[in-house]
């Protein structure tokens, strides 16, 4: 029985030692080289920290970064990946929550690491790659890991103004990877093209499908997504067979007319998630590549990436409403009413997720964890934790789940989950803003900030850029004499929608 991803890594290295596991535009790592890197880092870290310790990892978009992650795991610890391109204030928030004793970084991001409010030890990964491997130490550390031990902590937006760290176990990750691999029929001949940032939840497929099944991942340079010819040339040069991308990533080549000059000749499978895809752009893919397997996925970080899938067998039209489908194997979906009773057949309810893929909770945040990860109210006989997504859904007559929006004010923007409350909390801290309300124009994918006060739009944008990642900076800033309110004193958002352009 496999208790950890380390078991999987050991098996796949024995089977495919000379095969490439990860490649970027400058380097390639074989499974053996990847493994030796993880073992050197794991040995080094084992001499510094106890098992089950969180380690922050800030590294670039290159082939070695996943090896750094697994090096942390080799030490019996769990990693918290963070994106160095985020504002320093945001990075400091994440570091304050995870409270890791070590920040593992690469040479390119050492300067950024040194400028953060971090009191622990900063280690440059390249400096420890030649550490002599101690198999006895690593074996001892591996024995400490159980299937429910934390594997990683990925941070998402939080409504209180602080990011939430979602804790995922080895079991949850392996369950999801096995389930998605079954749907996509992943094997050692597949080559995945990575689009997602390596610190983001969607990247776990590109990292752990190769570790589990001997596949390969090519890390596509970020700039190529804005250059259609370069992107498709890369997909063909690398013979990419599988893409697991955000909806925004899938739509972009179609928006930029990429198919007018070529197409990915080797592509066999395309799955997407993060938001609702535009039928207009999906149809362009389908017409250019009619034999590709198209899979629509849905699911939050708290359920290990995606929890449902829908195989798109027919060409979409303008009026097609894509379901989010059926639960993956070993996933459980129930719909609850506001009073925690089960919804009747055909009715809309809150989507709740159960099974071994449910996260362990939010790191160092018992209060919010208890509110979101609850005992299944339909089960009075034994402990069964489910996650309340805050999303609304309905099972149609075919048994497929349909998405019907958010219960609260959390939105999906460019593939990222954003709490509008966090936008407002940030705005309220800007000098010259008296009152504010954040809203999202779904059709045009624009974040709006309505405000009262003397602050200028320029000052507001500059303030946001200093503390927020780019995808959380409002694109539309609207100054009002006063915010419209309902009789109960709450902001009248229906009136504010009249300002959408």
Protein backbone atom coordinates (compact mmCIF):
# COMPACT_ATOMS: atom_id res chain seq x y z
CA UNK A 1 0.00 0.00 0.00
CA UNK A 2 1.30 3.45 -0.93
CA UNK A 3 1.29 5.75 2.06
CA UNK A 4 2.98 8.74 0.42
CA UNK A 5 4.07 10.33 -2.85
CA UNK A 6 7.59 9.27 -1.88
CA UNK A 7 6.55 5.64 -2.44
CA UNK A 8 5.38 6.61 -5.92
CA UNK A 9 8.55 8.51 -6.70
CA UNK A 10 10.72 5.57 -5.64
CA UNK A 11 8.76 3.19 -7.90
CA UNK A 12 8.73 5.41 -10.98
CA UNK A 13 12.47 6.16 -10.71
CA UNK A 14 13.25 2.44 -10.65
CA UNK A 15 11.09 1.94 -13.75
CA UNK A 16 12.15 4.98 -15.84
CA UNK A 17 15.56 6.16 -14.57
CA UNK A 18 16.76 7.66 -17.87
CA UNK A 19 13.42 9.01 -19.08
CA UNK A 20 12.83 12.77 -18.89
CA UNK A 21 10.35 13.81 -16.22
CA UNK A 22 10.57 17.63 -16.45
CA UNK A 23 11.80 19.98 -19.10
CA UNK A 24 11.84 23.73 -19.63
CA UNK A 25 13.29 25.90 -22.39
CA UNK A 26 16.86 25.56 -21.06
CA UNK A 27 17.17 22.25 -19.22
CA UNK A 28 15.75 18.74 -18.83
CA UNK A 29 15.77 16.41 -15.84
CA UNK A 30 15.60 12.63 -16.02
CA UNK A 31 13.71 10.75 -13.33
CA UNK A 32 17.04 9.75 -11.76
CA UNK A 33 18.37 13.32 -11.77
CA UNK A 34 15.09 14.56 -10.33
CA UNK A 35 15.25 11.90 -7.62
CA UNK A 36 18.87 12.66 -6.71
CA UNK A 37 17.99 16.33 -6.40
CA UNK A 38 15.14 15.55 -4.00
CA UNK A 39 17.38 13.29 -1.93
CA UNK A 40 20.20 15.83 -1.63
CA UNK A 41 17.80 18.55 -0.52
CA UNK A 42 15.98 16.13 1.77
CA UNK A 43 19.21 15.06 3.44
CA UNK A 44 20.30 18.66 3.97
CA UNK A 45 16.96 19.75 5.43
CA UNK A 46 16.77 16.68 7.68
CA UNK A 47 19.85 17.95 9.51
CA UNK A 48 18.14 21.28 10.21
CA UNK A 49 14.51 20.61 11.09
CA UNK A 50 12.29 17.94 12.57
CA UNK A 51 9.86 15.95 10.45
CA UNK A 52 6.40 17.42 9.90
CA UNK A 53 7.81 20.96 9.70
CA UNK A 54 6.47 23.46 7.14
CA UNK A 55 9.05 24.74 4.66
CA UNK A 56 8.34 27.76 2.44
CA UNK A 57 9.59 27.38 -1.14
CA UNK A 58 10.03 30.37 -3.44
CA UNK A 59 11.45 29.31 -6.77
CA UNK A 60 11.03 30.17 -10.43
CA UNK A 61 9.26 28.67 -13.40
CA UNK A 62 11.80 25.97 -14.23
CA UNK A 63 12.30 22.22 -14.13
CA UNK A 64 14.08 22.15 -10.77
CA UNK A 65 11.26 23.78 -8.78
CA UNK A 66 9.11 20.61 -8.42
CA UNK A 67 12.27 18.79 -7.32
CA UNK A 68 12.71 21.40 -4.59
CA UNK A 69 9.13 20.69 -3.46
CA UNK A 70 9.77 16.96 -3.28
CA UNK A 71 13.09 17.55 -1.53
CA UNK A 72 11.10 19.08 1.31
CA UNK A 73 8.86 16.01 1.35
CA UNK A 74 11.92 13.70 1.40
CA UNK A 75 12.79 15.35 4.72
CA UNK A 76 9.43 14.24 6.10
CA UNK A 77 8.17 17.82 5.92
CA UNK A 78 5.55 19.66 3.86
CA UNK A 79 6.03 22.59 1.53
CA UNK A 80 4.28 25.93 1.05
CA UNK A 81 4.96 27.17 -2.50
CA UNK A 82 4.90 30.95 -2.94
CA UNK A 83 5.16 33.14 -6.03
CA UNK A 84 8.02 35.63 -5.82
CA UNK A 85 6.26 37.92 -8.30
CA UNK A 86 3.58 38.79 -5.74
CA UNK A 87 3.92 42.11 -3.87
CA UNK A 88 6.21 41.88 -0.86
CA UNK A 89 3.34 42.75 1.48
CA UNK A 90 1.46 39.70 0.23
CA UNK A 91 4.51 37.47 0.56
CA UNK A 92 5.00 38.69 4.11
CA UNK A 93 1.38 37.85 4.92
CA UNK A 94 1.82 34.29 3.68
CA UNK A 95 5.08 33.85 5.57
CA UNK A 96 3.48 35.14 8.76
CA UNK A 97 0.72 32.52 8.48
CA UNK A 98 2.89 29.51 7.63
CA UNK A 99 5.58 30.57 10.16
CA UNK A 100 8.17 28.29 8.56
CA UNK A 101 11.70 28.12 10.02
CA UNK A 102 13.22 27.83 6.52
CA UNK A 103 12.65 29.63 3.23
CA UNK A 104 14.09 27.59 0.37
CA UNK A 105 14.72 29.73 -2.70
CA UNK A 106 16.66 29.66 -5.94
CA UNK A 107 19.49 32.04 -6.86
CA UNK A 108 17.26 34.20 -9.03
CA UNK A 109 14.98 35.03 -6.09
CA UNK A 110 17.52 35.31 -3.28
CA UNK A 111 17.41 39.11 -3.31
CA UNK A 112 13.62 39.09 -3.02
CA UNK A 113 13.81 36.61 -0.15
CA UNK A 114 16.31 38.79 1.71
CA UNK A 115 14.02 41.80 1.42
CA UNK A 116 11.10 40.05 3.14
CA UNK A 117 10.17 40.18 6.81
CA UNK A 118 11.44 36.66 7.39
CA UNK A 119 13.25 35.76 10.60
CA UNK A 120 14.09 32.18 9.69
CA UNK A 121 16.93 30.69 7.69
CA UNK A 122 17.10 31.41 3.95
CA UNK A 123 18.65 28.57 1.94
CA UNK A 124 19.60 28.75 -1.74
CA UNK A 125 18.62 25.44 -3.30
CA UNK A 126 21.42 25.42 -5.88
CA UNK A 127 23.97 25.64 -3.06
CA UNK A 128 22.85 22.33 -1.53
CA UNK A 129 22.28 20.20 -4.64
CA UNK A 130 25.58 18.39 -4.10
CA UNK A 131 24.82 17.42 -0.51
CA UNK A 132 25.88 13.82 0.06
CA UNK A 133 22.75 11.68 0.14
CA UNK A 134 22.12 9.82 3.41
CA UNK A 135 19.71 6.98 2.61
CA UNK A 136 19.39 5.99 6.27
CA UNK A 137 18.24 9.45 7.29
CA UNK A 138 15.82 9.65 4.37
CA UNK A 139 14.42 6.19 5.13
CA UNK A 140 13.84 7.25 8.72
CA UNK A 141 12.06 10.42 7.60
CA UNK A 142 9.93 8.51 5.09
CA UNK A 143 8.75 6.18 7.85
CA UNK A 144 7.27 9.13 9.72
CA UNK A 145 4.94 10.03 6.82
CA UNK A 146 1.43 8.59 6.93
CA UNK A 147 -1.20 8.81 4.21
CA UNK A 148 -2.88 11.68 6.07
CA UNK A 149 0.30 13.64 6.71
CA UNK A 150 0.34 17.14 5.15
CA UNK A 151 1.97 17.25 1.71
CA UNK A 152 1.65 20.95 0.88
CA UNK A 153 -0.11 24.16 1.90
CA UNK A 154 -1.39 26.30 -0.97
CA UNK A 155 -2.60 29.81 -0.19
CA UNK A 156 -5.84 31.25 -1.53
CA UNK A 157 -7.66 34.55 -1.05
CA UNK A 158 -9.29 35.12 2.35
CA UNK A 159 -12.35 37.26 3.11
CA UNK A 160 -10.75 38.70 6.25
CA UNK A 161 -7.94 40.28 4.25
CA UNK A 162 -5.46 37.50 5.06
CA UNK A 163 -4.65 34.60 2.71
CA UNK A 164 -5.85 31.12 3.73
CA UNK A 165 -3.47 28.18 3.60
CA UNK A 166 -5.24 25.02 2.42
CA UNK A 167 -3.56 21.87 3.80
CA UNK A 168 -3.60 18.84 1.48
CA UNK A 169 -2.55 15.37 2.59
CA UNK A 170 -0.63 12.70 0.67
CA UNK A 171 -3.79 10.58 0.48
CA UNK A 172 -5.89 13.41 -0.93
CA UNK A 173 -3.33 14.19 -3.61
CA UNK A 174 -2.86 10.56 -4.65
CA UNK A 175 -6.62 9.97 -4.75
CA UNK A 176 -7.16 12.95 -7.04
CA UNK A 177 -4.22 12.12 -9.32
CA UNK A 178 -5.41 8.53 -9.76
CA UNK A 179 -8.94 9.69 -10.49
CA UNK A 180 -8.04 12.33 -13.08
CA UNK A 181 -5.51 9.98 -14.70
CA UNK A 182 -8.25 7.39 -15.16
CA UNK A 183 -10.51 9.89 -16.95
CA UNK A 184 -7.67 11.22 -19.15
CA UNK A 185 -6.07 7.80 -19.62
CA UNK A 186 -2.62 9.08 -18.65
CA UNK A 187 0.36 6.79 -19.24
CA UNK A 188 4.13 6.93 -19.68
CA UNK A 189 3.80 8.08 -23.29
CA UNK A 190 2.01 11.30 -22.40
CA UNK A 191 3.74 14.68 -22.45
CA UNK A 192 1.96 17.42 -20.53
CA UNK A 193 2.30 21.11 -21.32
CA UNK A 194 2.35 23.15 -18.11
CA UNK A 195 0.56 26.50 -18.17
CA UNK A 196 -0.22 27.13 -14.50
CA UNK A 197 2.22 28.84 -12.10
CA UNK A 198 4.00 26.10 -10.16
CA UNK A 199 2.77 27.48 -6.83
CA UNK A 200 -0.87 27.29 -7.96
CA UNK A 201 -3.23 24.37 -7.33
CA UNK A 202 -3.67 23.51 -11.03
CA UNK A 203 0.06 22.70 -11.32
CA UNK A 204 -0.27 19.60 -9.15
CA UNK A 205 -1.43 17.64 -12.21
CA UNK A 206 1.71 18.62 -14.13
CA UNK A 207 3.91 17.66 -11.18
CA UNK A 208 2.31 14.50 -9.85
CA UNK A 209 0.99 12.78 -12.98
CA UNK A 210 4.60 12.17 -14.11
CA UNK A 211 5.57 11.02 -10.61
CA UNK A 212 2.65 8.60 -10.56
CA UNK A 213 2.62 7.30 -14.14
CA UNK A 214 5.99 8.01 -15.75
CA UNK A 215 4.69 10.79 -17.99
CA UNK A 216 6.68 13.95 -18.83
CA UNK A 217 5.90 17.63 -18.31
CA UNK A 218 7.21 20.52 -20.36
CA UNK A 219 7.07 23.91 -18.60
CA UNK A 220 5.95 26.38 -21.25
CA UNK A 221 7.58 29.84 -21.05
CA UNK A 222 5.07 32.35 -19.74
CA UNK A 223 5.59 34.87 -22.54
CA UNK A 224 4.57 32.38 -25.23
CA UNK A 225 0.92 32.48 -24.20
CA UNK A 226 0.69 35.95 -25.74
CA UNK A 227 2.34 34.78 -28.99
CA UNK A 228 0.09 32.21 -30.71
CA UNK A 229 2.59 31.02 -33.29
CA UNK A 230 5.29 30.53 -30.65
CA UNK A 231 2.90 28.67 -28.34
CA UNK A 232 1.71 26.20 -30.97
CA UNK A 233 5.25 25.77 -32.31
CA UNK A 234 6.33 24.78 -28.80
CA UNK A 235 3.44 22.34 -28.37
CA UNK A 236 4.39 20.67 -31.63
CA UNK A 237 8.15 20.73 -31.08
CA UNK A 238 7.73 19.08 -27.68
CA UNK A 239 5.00 16.74 -28.99
CA UNK A 240 2.60 17.73 -26.22
CA UNK A 241 -0.28 15.25 -25.88
CA UNK A 242 -2.09 16.59 -22.81
CA UNK A 243 -3.05 20.04 -21.55
CA UNK A 244 -4.60 20.67 -18.13
CA UNK A 245 -5.09 24.43 -18.27
CA UNK A 246 -7.17 27.16 -16.72
CA UNK A 247 -10.12 28.37 -18.78
CA UNK A 248 -8.29 31.66 -19.30
CA UNK A 249 -5.31 29.75 -20.74
CA UNK A 250 -7.53 27.75 -23.12
CA UNK A 251 -9.44 30.80 -24.33
CA UNK A 252 -6.38 32.95 -25.05
CA UNK A 253 -5.10 31.17 -28.20
CA UNK A 254 -8.62 31.22 -29.65
CA UNK A 255 -8.98 34.93 -28.83
CA UNK A 256 -5.66 35.62 -30.57
CA UNK A 257 -6.65 33.66 -33.71
CA UNK A 258 -3.89 31.11 -33.17
CA UNK A 259 -5.64 28.43 -35.22
CA UNK A 260 -5.42 30.53 -38.37
CA UNK A 261 -1.71 29.73 -38.63
CA UNK A 262 -1.56 26.20 -37.23
CA UNK A 263 -2.68 23.80 -34.54
CA UNK A 264 -1.22 21.45 -31.90
CA UNK A 265 -0.71 18.35 -34.03
CA UNK A 266 0.02 15.91 -31.19
CA UNK A 267 -2.69 16.98 -28.76
CA UNK A 268 -5.06 14.22 -27.60
CA UNK A 269 -6.50 15.49 -24.30
CA UNK A 270 -7.53 18.93 -23.06
CA UNK A 271 -9.06 19.50 -19.64
CA UNK A 272 -9.85 22.92 -18.21
CA UNK A 273 -11.14 24.43 -14.98
CA UNK A 274 -11.15 27.59 -12.89
CA UNK A 275 -14.21 29.31 -14.38
CA UNK A 276 -16.96 28.87 -16.98
CA UNK A 277 -15.52 28.59 -20.49
CA UNK A 278 -16.93 30.65 -23.35
CA UNK A 279 -18.67 28.43 -25.89
CA UNK A 280 -17.39 30.71 -28.64
CA UNK A 281 -13.77 29.86 -27.89
CA UNK A 282 -14.33 26.21 -27.03
CA UNK A 283 -16.06 25.76 -30.40
CA UNK A 284 -12.92 27.08 -32.15
CA UNK A 285 -10.84 24.38 -30.43
CA UNK A 286 -13.39 21.70 -31.28
CA UNK A 287 -13.53 22.66 -34.96
CA UNK A 288 -9.72 22.73 -35.27
CA UNK A 289 -9.16 19.55 -33.23
CA UNK A 290 -12.32 17.41 -33.43
CA UNK A 291 -10.67 14.21 -32.18
CA UNK A 292 -9.32 15.66 -28.92
CA UNK A 293 -10.86 14.58 -25.59
CA UNK A 294 -12.34 17.71 -23.99
CA UNK A 295 -13.04 17.62 -20.25
CA UNK A 296 -14.69 20.37 -18.21
CA UNK A 297 -13.64 20.25 -14.56
CA UNK A 298 -14.92 21.90 -11.39
CA UNK A 299 -13.59 22.04 -7.88
CA UNK A 300 -11.87 24.11 -5.19
CA UNK A 301 -8.41 23.86 -3.67
CA UNK A 302 -10.08 22.48 -0.54
CA UNK A 303 -11.04 19.36 -2.50
CA UNK A 304 -7.61 18.82 -4.08
CA UNK A 305 -8.08 20.76 -7.30
CA UNK A 306 -11.11 19.35 -9.17
CA UNK A 307 -13.89 17.21 -7.79
CA UNK A 308 -16.18 16.76 -10.81
CA UNK A 309 -15.66 16.28 -14.53
CA UNK A 310 -17.76 16.37 -17.67
CA UNK A 311 -16.60 14.82 -20.94
CA UNK A 312 -17.78 17.05 -23.81
CA UNK A 313 -18.86 14.64 -26.54
CA UNK A 314 -20.76 17.05 -28.80
CA UNK A 315 -19.73 20.29 -30.45
CA UNK A 316 -20.95 23.24 -28.38
CA UNK A 317 -23.18 25.96 -29.74
CA UNK A 318 -23.84 29.49 -28.56
CA UNK A 319 -26.62 28.28 -26.26
CA UNK A 320 -24.88 25.23 -24.83
CA UNK A 321 -24.75 25.12 -21.02
CA UNK A 322 -21.95 22.78 -20.01
CA UNK A 323 -22.55 20.76 -16.83
CA UNK A 324 -19.68 20.36 -14.39
CA UNK A 325 -20.46 16.68 -14.48
CA UNK A 326 -20.01 13.69 -12.21
CA UNK A 327 -17.83 13.26 -9.14
CA UNK A 328 -14.40 11.81 -9.75
CA UNK A 329 -13.81 8.34 -8.36
CA UNK A 330 -13.55 8.46 -4.54
CA UNK A 331 -15.33 11.84 -4.43
CA UNK A 332 -18.76 12.43 -2.95
CA UNK A 333 -21.05 15.35 -3.85
CA UNK A 334 -24.14 16.30 -1.86
CA UNK A 335 -26.38 19.36 -2.17
CA UNK A 336 -27.64 21.03 1.00
CA UNK A 337 -30.31 23.61 1.70
CA UNK A 338 -29.63 26.61 3.94
CA UNK A 339 -30.83 24.60 6.95
CA UNK A 340 -28.37 21.76 6.17
CA UNK A 341 -31.09 19.42 4.91
CA UNK A 342 -30.71 17.55 1.64
CA UNK A 343 -32.14 19.29 -1.42
CA UNK A 344 -34.92 17.58 -3.33
CA UNK A 345 -34.25 16.09 -6.76
CA UNK A 346 -33.82 18.80 -9.37
CA UNK A 347 -33.49 21.64 -6.84
CA UNK A 348 -30.55 23.99 -6.37
CA UNK A 349 -28.46 23.65 -3.23
CA UNK A 350 -25.00 24.33 -1.86
CA UNK A 351 -22.37 22.00 -3.31
CA UNK A 352 -20.66 20.05 -0.52
CA UNK A 353 -17.79 17.63 -1.07
CA UNK A 354 -16.82 14.51 0.84
CA UNK A 355 -14.28 11.73 0.56
CA UNK A 356 -10.55 11.26 1.13
CA UNK A 357 -9.81 14.29 -1.03
CA UNK A 358 -11.15 16.83 1.48
CA UNK A 359 -8.37 19.08 2.80
CA UNK A 360 -7.13 18.88 6.37
CA UNK A 361 -8.31 22.46 6.92
CA UNK A 362 -6.79 25.93 6.84
CA UNK A 363 -3.33 26.25 8.30
CA UNK A 364 -3.26 27.84 11.77
CA UNK A 365 -6.89 28.92 11.43
CA UNK A 366 -9.17 26.66 13.45
CA UNK A 367 -12.07 29.12 13.48
CA UNK A 368 -12.45 29.36 9.69
CA UNK A 369 -11.64 25.66 9.28
CA UNK A 370 -14.51 24.71 11.62
CA UNK A 371 -16.93 26.85 9.65
CA UNK A 372 -16.04 25.34 6.26
CA UNK A 373 -15.12 21.74 7.11
CA UNK A 374 -18.08 20.31 8.96
CA UNK A 375 -19.64 17.05 10.03
CA UNK A 376 -21.96 15.80 7.30
CA UNK A 377 -25.37 16.84 8.67
CA UNK A 378 -26.98 13.92 6.84
CA UNK A 379 -24.85 11.43 8.80
CA UNK A 380 -25.65 11.13 12.51
CA UNK A 381 -23.81 7.86 13.11
CA UNK A 382 -20.08 8.46 12.67
CA UNK A 383 -17.58 11.19 11.91
CA UNK A 384 -17.63 12.26 8.26
CA UNK A 385 -16.11 15.59 7.27
CA UNK A 386 -17.43 17.46 4.26
CA UNK A 387 -16.38 20.78 2.75
CA UNK A 388 -19.00 23.45 2.11
CA UNK A 389 -17.94 25.15 -1.12
CA UNK A 390 -20.31 28.13 -1.03
CA UNK A 391 -21.15 27.28 -4.66
CA UNK A 392 -24.66 26.50 -5.82
CA UNK A 393 -25.47 23.51 -7.99
CA UNK A 394 -28.23 21.28 -9.29
CA UNK A 395 -28.28 17.74 -10.61
CA UNK A 396 -29.98 17.64 -14.02
CA UNK A 397 -32.12 14.82 -15.40
CA UNK A 398 -29.00 13.00 -16.64
CA UNK A 399 -27.44 13.02 -13.19
CA UNK A 400 -24.85 15.63 -14.14
CA UNK A 401 -24.12 18.50 -11.80
CA UNK A 402 -24.79 22.04 -13.06
CA UNK A 403 -23.09 25.12 -11.64
CA UNK A 404 -25.39 27.93 -10.50
CA UNK A 405 -23.03 30.55 -9.10
CA UNK A 406 -21.73 31.60 -5.70
CA UNK A 407 -23.66 31.86 -2.44
CA UNK A 408 -21.44 34.60 -1.12
CA UNK A 409 -19.14 37.11 -2.73
CA UNK A 410 -16.30 34.88 -3.75
CA UNK A 411 -15.60 35.03 -7.47
CA UNK A 412 -13.43 33.25 -10.03
CA UNK A 413 -11.32 35.74 -11.99
CA UNK A 414 -8.75 34.63 -14.58
CA UNK A 415 -8.75 31.18 -13.00
CA UNK A 416 -8.11 32.51 -9.49
CA UNK A 417 -10.49 32.41 -6.58
CA UNK A 418 -10.93 35.89 -5.10
CA UNK A 419 -12.86 37.12 -2.09
CA UNK A 420 -14.40 40.49 -2.91
CA UNK A 421 -14.29 41.17 0.81
CA UNK A 422 -10.50 41.04 0.68
CA UNK A 423 -10.50 43.66 -2.08
CA UNK A 424 -12.65 45.88 0.14
CA UNK A 425 -10.52 45.33 3.25
CA UNK A 426 -7.45 46.37 1.27
CA UNK A 427 -9.20 49.44 -0.16
CA UNK A 428 -10.35 50.59 3.25
CA UNK A 429 -6.72 50.82 4.34
CA UNK A 430 -5.90 53.28 1.54
CA UNK A 431 -5.70 56.90 2.63
CA UNK A 432 -8.48 58.96 1.06
CA UNK A 433 -11.05 56.14 0.78
CA UNK A 434 -14.04 56.58 3.06
CA UNK A 435 -16.28 53.75 1.93
CA UNK A 436 -16.12 51.15 -0.82
CA UNK A 437 -17.67 48.15 -2.49
CA UNK A 438 -15.95 45.62 -4.76
CA UNK A 439 -17.91 43.89 -7.53
CA UNK A 440 -17.21 41.62 -10.45
CA UNK A 441 -18.43 42.00 -14.04
CA UNK A 442 -18.44 38.34 -15.03
CA UNK A 443 -19.09 38.81 -18.76
CA UNK A 444 -16.21 41.23 -19.24
CA UNK A 445 -14.03 39.67 -16.50
CA UNK A 446 -13.45 43.02 -14.79
CA UNK A 447 -12.97 43.70 -11.10
CA UNK A 448 -14.72 46.94 -10.08
CA UNK A 449 -14.07 49.08 -7.03
CA UNK A 450 -16.69 51.69 -6.18
CA UNK A 451 -15.60 54.17 -3.54
CA UNK A 452 -16.21 57.48 -1.84
CA UNK A 453 -13.45 59.82 -0.70
CA UNK A 454 -10.67 62.04 -1.99
CA UNK A 455 -8.24 59.37 -3.21
CA UNK A 456 -7.42 59.36 -6.92
CA UNK A 457 -7.76 56.32 -9.16
CA UNK A 458 -4.01 56.39 -9.77
CA UNK A 459 -3.23 56.33 -6.04
CA UNK A 460 -5.67 53.48 -5.48
CA UNK A 461 -4.18 51.35 -8.25
CA UNK A 462 -0.63 52.00 -7.05
CA UNK A 463 -1.62 51.08 -3.50
CA UNK A 464 -3.20 47.82 -4.66
CA UNK A 465 -0.19 46.91 -6.77
CA UNK A 466 2.04 47.28 -3.73
CA UNK A 467 0.14 44.71 -1.67
CA UNK A 468 -1.85 42.51 -4.05
CA UNK A 469 -1.03 40.12 -6.92
CA UNK A 470 -1.90 41.54 -10.34
CA UNK A 471 -5.05 39.46 -10.76
CA UNK A 472 -6.52 41.06 -7.61
CA UNK A 473 -6.00 44.68 -8.66
CA UNK A 474 -9.36 46.25 -9.72
CA UNK A 475 -9.42 47.18 -13.39
CA UNK A 476 -12.29 49.64 -13.03
CA UNK A 477 -12.18 52.33 -10.33
CA UNK A 478 -15.43 54.32 -9.96
CA UNK A 479 -15.71 57.31 -7.61
CA UNK A 480 -19.16 58.14 -6.23
CA UNK A 481 -20.50 60.88 -3.97
CA UNK A 482 -22.04 58.15 -1.84
CA UNK A 483 -22.71 54.43 -2.10
CA UNK A 484 -26.36 53.46 -2.67
CA UNK A 485 -27.86 51.59 0.27
CA UNK A 486 -30.84 49.32 0.89
CA UNK A 487 -33.34 49.93 3.72
CA UNK A 488 -31.34 47.54 5.91
CA UNK A 489 -28.24 49.69 5.47
CA UNK A 490 -26.40 47.28 3.18
CA UNK A 491 -24.94 48.45 -0.12
CA UNK A 492 -27.41 48.24 -3.01
CA UNK A 493 -25.38 46.24 -5.50
CA UNK A 494 -28.12 46.19 -8.10
CA UNK A 495 -27.80 49.96 -8.45
CA UNK A 496 -24.02 49.69 -8.66
CA UNK A 497 -24.36 47.24 -11.55
CA UNK A 498 -25.75 50.14 -13.60
CA UNK A 499 -22.20 51.52 -13.66
CA UNK A 500 -20.86 48.40 -15.39
CA UNK A 501 -19.49 49.22 -18.83
